[in-house]
Amino acid sequence: MSRTSTALPALATLAGLVLVGCAQPRGSGLVTATATTSVRTTAHPGTPPAATGTPSGTAGTPSGTGSPGTATASPAREPGPRPEPAPPARTDAEAEAAVFELTNAERAANGCPALVADERLDVAARAHSADMAARNYFDHGSRDGRTFVDRVEAAGHPAPGAENIAAGQRTPEAVVAGWMASPGHRANILNCGLKSLGVGLARGGTYGLYWTQNFGW
């Protein structure tokens, strides 16, 4: 059965980050992203959140008053609690795994069965993220004209289902939250008929980080 993709022609803005209208084969029964996700932007990558939390108190300097020999010094204040250290940076593989787990958590919360990891979908997703980063573009369509259906089938998966992409988000939590806030991307994640998922992350290009989800039937 021949499939073609249906992708929105433009990007959506989410807190200075970028999501694209999700893509699905015609006849797949998936919901298409609405017009609220059709404004192209030139957003720059987000910056990593700074570690928060500062000591509630600082070491005080003893001070005293009175005549020589009768000075009374106030005790130095104890230092406040130290800020929590920043968590170690995730590897790309760990970030991809986190996106996978967060996606299944959203499905579970909405009554959908868990997606199964599929290496063929991982291959397609990673390759598309890497291509966008290397060639500095952001779109479902590859620069050589291939659709996500073409890429997934070339990776060996016989039943492409849908694709979500995003750029600029610095963490798995941010990218999944962004997709869930966009009707079309959310519809892909919460399509209970989809069976499998691959995730790809690549670094480079204008936005710094490029994320792809490929779903399979």
Protein backbone atom coordinates (compact mmCIF):
# COMPACT_ATOMS: atom_id res chain seq x y z
CA MET A 1 0.00 0.00 0.00
CA SER A 2 1.42 3.33 -1.04
CA ARG A 3 1.46 6.09 1.55
CA THR A 4 2.22 9.77 1.35
CA SER A 5 2.73 12.20 4.16
CA THR A 6 0.57 15.15 5.09
CA ALA A 7 2.60 17.81 6.89
CA LEU A 8 1.70 21.39 7.67
CA PRO A 9 3.71 23.88 5.60
CA ALA A 10 5.05 25.89 8.52
CA LEU A 11 6.30 25.91 12.10
CA ALA A 12 4.79 26.80 15.44
CA THR A 13 6.24 28.96 18.18
CA LEU A 14 6.43 27.62 21.71
CA ALA A 15 8.32 29.77 24.21
CA GLY A 16 10.89 30.70 21.58
CA LEU A 17 11.28 27.09 20.49
CA VAL A 18 10.06 25.37 17.37
CA LEU A 19 7.57 22.63 16.65
CA VAL A 20 6.45 21.61 13.20
CA GLY A 21 3.00 20.42 12.12
CA CYS A 22 3.12 16.67 12.59
CA ALA A 23 3.09 14.37 9.59
CA GLN A 24 0.95 11.33 8.94
CA PRO A 25 0.26 9.16 5.88
CA ARG A 26 -3.06 9.87 4.19
CA GLY A 27 -5.70 7.45 5.34
CA SER A 28 -3.95 6.82 8.63
CA GLY A 29 -6.79 8.28 10.66
CA LEU A 30 -4.52 10.64 12.55
CA VAL A 31 -5.55 14.17 13.46
CA THR A 32 -3.87 16.93 11.48
CA ALA A 33 -2.37 19.87 13.34
CA THR A 34 -4.66 22.88 13.32
CA ALA A 35 -4.01 26.39 12.05
CA THR A 36 -2.80 27.37 15.49
CA THR A 37 0.47 25.67 14.64
CA SER A 38 1.13 27.39 11.35
CA VAL A 39 3.27 30.46 12.08
CA ARG A 40 6.91 30.25 10.95
CA THR A 41 9.46 31.73 13.28
CA THR A 42 13.17 32.39 13.36
CA ALA A 43 13.52 31.47 16.99
CA HIS A 44 16.93 30.74 18.37
CA PRO A 45 17.73 27.78 20.59
CA GLY A 46 16.70 28.04 24.20
CA THR A 47 19.38 28.30 26.82
CA PRO A 48 19.82 25.66 29.49
CA PRO A 49 18.11 26.50 32.76
CA ALA A 50 20.52 27.91 35.30
CA ALA A 51 20.95 26.01 38.51
CA THR A 52 18.72 27.59 41.12
CA GLY A 53 18.97 27.89 44.84
CA THR A 54 21.37 30.07 46.83
CA PRO A 55 22.47 29.80 50.42
CA SER A 56 19.89 31.31 52.73
CA GLY A 57 22.61 32.77 54.90
CA THR A 58 26.20 33.83 54.48
CA ALA A 59 29.02 33.59 56.95
CA GLY A 60 28.87 36.73 59.07
CA THR A 61 31.79 38.83 60.27
CA PRO A 62 32.01 39.15 64.07
CA SER A 63 31.30 42.71 65.20
CA GLY A 64 31.77 44.22 68.64
CA THR A 65 31.01 47.37 70.58
CA GLY A 66 32.28 48.80 73.87
CA SER A 67 35.52 50.00 75.35
CA PRO A 68 38.81 48.12 74.95
CA GLY A 69 38.91 44.97 77.01
CA THR A 70 35.14 44.72 77.28
CA ALA A 71 34.21 44.10 73.69
CA THR A 72 31.37 41.67 73.16
CA ALA A 73 31.29 39.97 69.79
CA SER A 74 28.17 38.56 68.21
CA PRO A 75 28.68 34.99 67.03
CA ALA A 76 29.15 34.39 63.33
CA ARG A 77 26.05 33.08 61.60
CA GLU A 78 26.16 29.53 60.38
CA PRO A 79 26.26 29.22 56.60
CA GLY A 80 22.90 28.38 55.04
CA PRO A 81 22.29 25.19 53.10
CA ARG A 82 24.31 24.78 49.95
CA PRO A 83 22.43 24.78 46.64
CA GLU A 84 21.73 21.40 45.13
CA PRO A 85 24.32 20.50 42.50
CA ALA A 86 23.09 20.55 38.93
CA PRO A 87 22.17 17.08 37.68
CA PRO A 88 24.73 15.49 35.38
CA ALA A 89 24.11 16.11 31.70
CA ARG A 90 22.34 13.30 29.90
CA THR A 91 23.99 11.59 26.98
CA ASP A 92 22.06 11.76 23.73
CA ALA A 93 21.06 8.11 24.15
CA GLU A 94 19.77 8.83 27.65
CA ALA A 95 17.83 11.85 26.38
CA GLU A 96 16.24 9.74 23.65
CA ALA A 97 15.30 7.09 26.20
CA ALA A 98 13.76 9.77 28.42
CA VAL A 99 11.61 11.04 25.53
CA PHE A 100 10.44 7.47 24.95
CA GLU A 101 9.51 6.98 28.61
CA LEU A 102 7.81 10.37 28.90
CA THR A 103 5.78 9.63 25.77
CA ASN A 104 4.57 6.34 27.20
CA ALA A 105 3.76 8.06 30.49
CA GLU A 106 1.50 10.49 28.62
CA ARG A 107 -0.18 7.59 26.83
CA ALA A 108 -0.72 5.70 30.07
CA ALA A 109 -2.28 8.78 31.65
CA ASN A 110 -4.73 8.94 28.75
CA GLY A 111 -5.66 5.27 28.52
CA CYS A 112 -3.43 4.24 25.60
CA PRO A 113 -1.20 1.15 25.59
CA ALA A 114 2.55 1.61 25.77
CA LEU A 115 4.52 1.93 22.56
CA VAL A 116 7.21 -0.65 21.86
CA ALA A 117 10.75 0.48 21.05
CA ASP A 118 11.74 -0.28 17.46
CA GLU A 119 15.33 0.04 16.30
CA ARG A 120 14.27 0.67 12.70
CA LEU A 121 12.28 3.69 13.81
CA ASP A 122 15.24 4.83 15.92
CA VAL A 123 17.45 4.65 12.83
CA ALA A 124 15.01 6.73 10.77
CA ALA A 125 14.48 9.30 13.54
CA ARG A 126 18.19 9.74 14.26
CA ALA A 127 19.02 10.04 10.59
CA HIS A 128 16.43 12.77 10.04
CA SER A 129 17.53 14.74 13.11
CA ALA A 130 21.15 14.45 11.99
CA ASP A 131 20.27 15.56 8.46
CA MET A 132 18.37 18.62 9.72
CA ALA A 133 21.28 19.58 11.97
CA ALA A 134 23.95 19.01 9.31
CA ARG A 135 22.08 20.81 6.52
CA ASN A 136 20.60 23.45 8.81
CA TYR A 137 16.91 23.11 7.98
CA PHE A 138 13.78 22.17 9.90
CA ASP A 139 11.07 20.28 8.07
CA HIS A 140 9.42 16.90 7.69
CA GLY A 141 10.57 16.79 4.09
CA SER A 142 14.23 15.93 3.54
CA ARG A 143 16.30 18.13 1.26
CA ASP A 144 16.42 15.24 -1.22
CA GLY A 145 12.63 15.19 -1.42
CA ARG A 146 11.94 12.18 0.79
CA THR A 147 9.00 12.12 3.17
CA PHE A 148 9.02 10.53 6.60
CA VAL A 149 7.23 7.55 5.01
CA ASP A 150 10.14 7.12 2.60
CA ARG A 151 12.70 7.38 5.39
CA VAL A 152 10.94 4.92 7.70
CA GLU A 153 10.41 2.38 4.94
CA ALA A 154 14.06 2.74 3.87
CA ALA A 155 15.05 1.89 7.45
CA GLY A 156 13.14 -1.38 7.10
CA HIS A 157 9.86 -0.64 8.86
CA PRO A 158 6.88 -1.67 6.71
CA ALA A 159 4.18 0.47 8.34
CA PRO A 160 5.08 4.14 8.99
CA GLY A 161 2.51 5.80 11.21
CA ALA A 162 3.39 9.40 12.05
CA GLU A 163 6.23 11.79 12.78
CA ASN A 164 6.79 14.60 15.28
CA ILE A 165 9.78 16.93 15.10
CA ALA A 166 10.98 19.81 17.27
CA ALA A 167 14.06 22.00 17.57
CA GLY A 168 15.74 24.05 20.26
CA GLN A 169 14.32 22.39 23.36
CA ARG A 170 17.13 21.60 25.79
CA THR A 171 15.61 18.68 27.68
CA PRO A 172 13.37 15.66 27.03
CA GLU A 173 10.84 17.12 29.45
CA ALA A 174 10.66 20.37 27.48
CA VAL A 175 10.25 18.72 24.10
CA VAL A 176 7.52 16.30 25.22
CA ALA A 177 5.70 19.11 27.02
CA GLY A 178 5.86 21.16 23.82
CA TRP A 179 4.43 18.36 21.74
CA MET A 180 1.67 17.74 24.26
CA ALA A 181 0.71 21.43 24.12
CA SER A 182 0.28 21.28 20.32
CA PRO A 183 -2.95 19.61 19.13
CA GLY A 184 -1.47 17.80 16.14
CA HIS A 185 1.60 16.49 17.94
CA ARG A 186 -0.50 15.50 20.94
CA ALA A 187 -2.84 13.57 18.63
CA ASN A 188 0.11 11.53 17.36
CA ILE A 189 1.37 10.77 20.86
CA LEU A 190 -2.11 9.81 22.07
CA ASN A 191 -3.15 7.78 19.02
CA CYS A 192 -3.91 4.50 20.74
CA GLY A 193 -3.68 2.59 17.47
CA LEU A 194 0.04 3.27 17.00
CA LYS A 195 2.23 0.41 18.18
CA SER A 196 5.90 1.41 18.10
CA LEU A 197 8.21 4.39 18.47
CA GLY A 198 11.70 5.51 17.61
CA VAL A 199 13.38 8.68 18.87
CA GLY A 200 16.33 10.59 17.44
CA LEU A 201 18.32 13.55 18.79
CA ALA A 202 21.07 15.41 16.95
CA ARG A 203 23.13 18.52 17.73
CA GLY A 204 24.12 21.39 15.44
CA GLY A 205 22.49 23.83 13.08
CA THR A 206 20.65 27.01 13.97
CA TYR A 207 18.64 25.55 16.83
CA GLY A 208 21.34 23.48 18.48
CA LEU A 209 19.18 20.43 19.18
CA TYR A 210 16.88 18.61 16.75
CA TRP A 211 14.36 16.00 17.93
CA THR A 212 12.42 13.46 15.87
CA GLN A 213 9.78 10.90 16.84
CA ASN A 214 8.82 8.24 14.29
CA PHE A 215 5.76 6.12 15.07
CA GLY A 216 4.79 2.82 13.48
CA TRP A 217 1.60 0.82 13.12
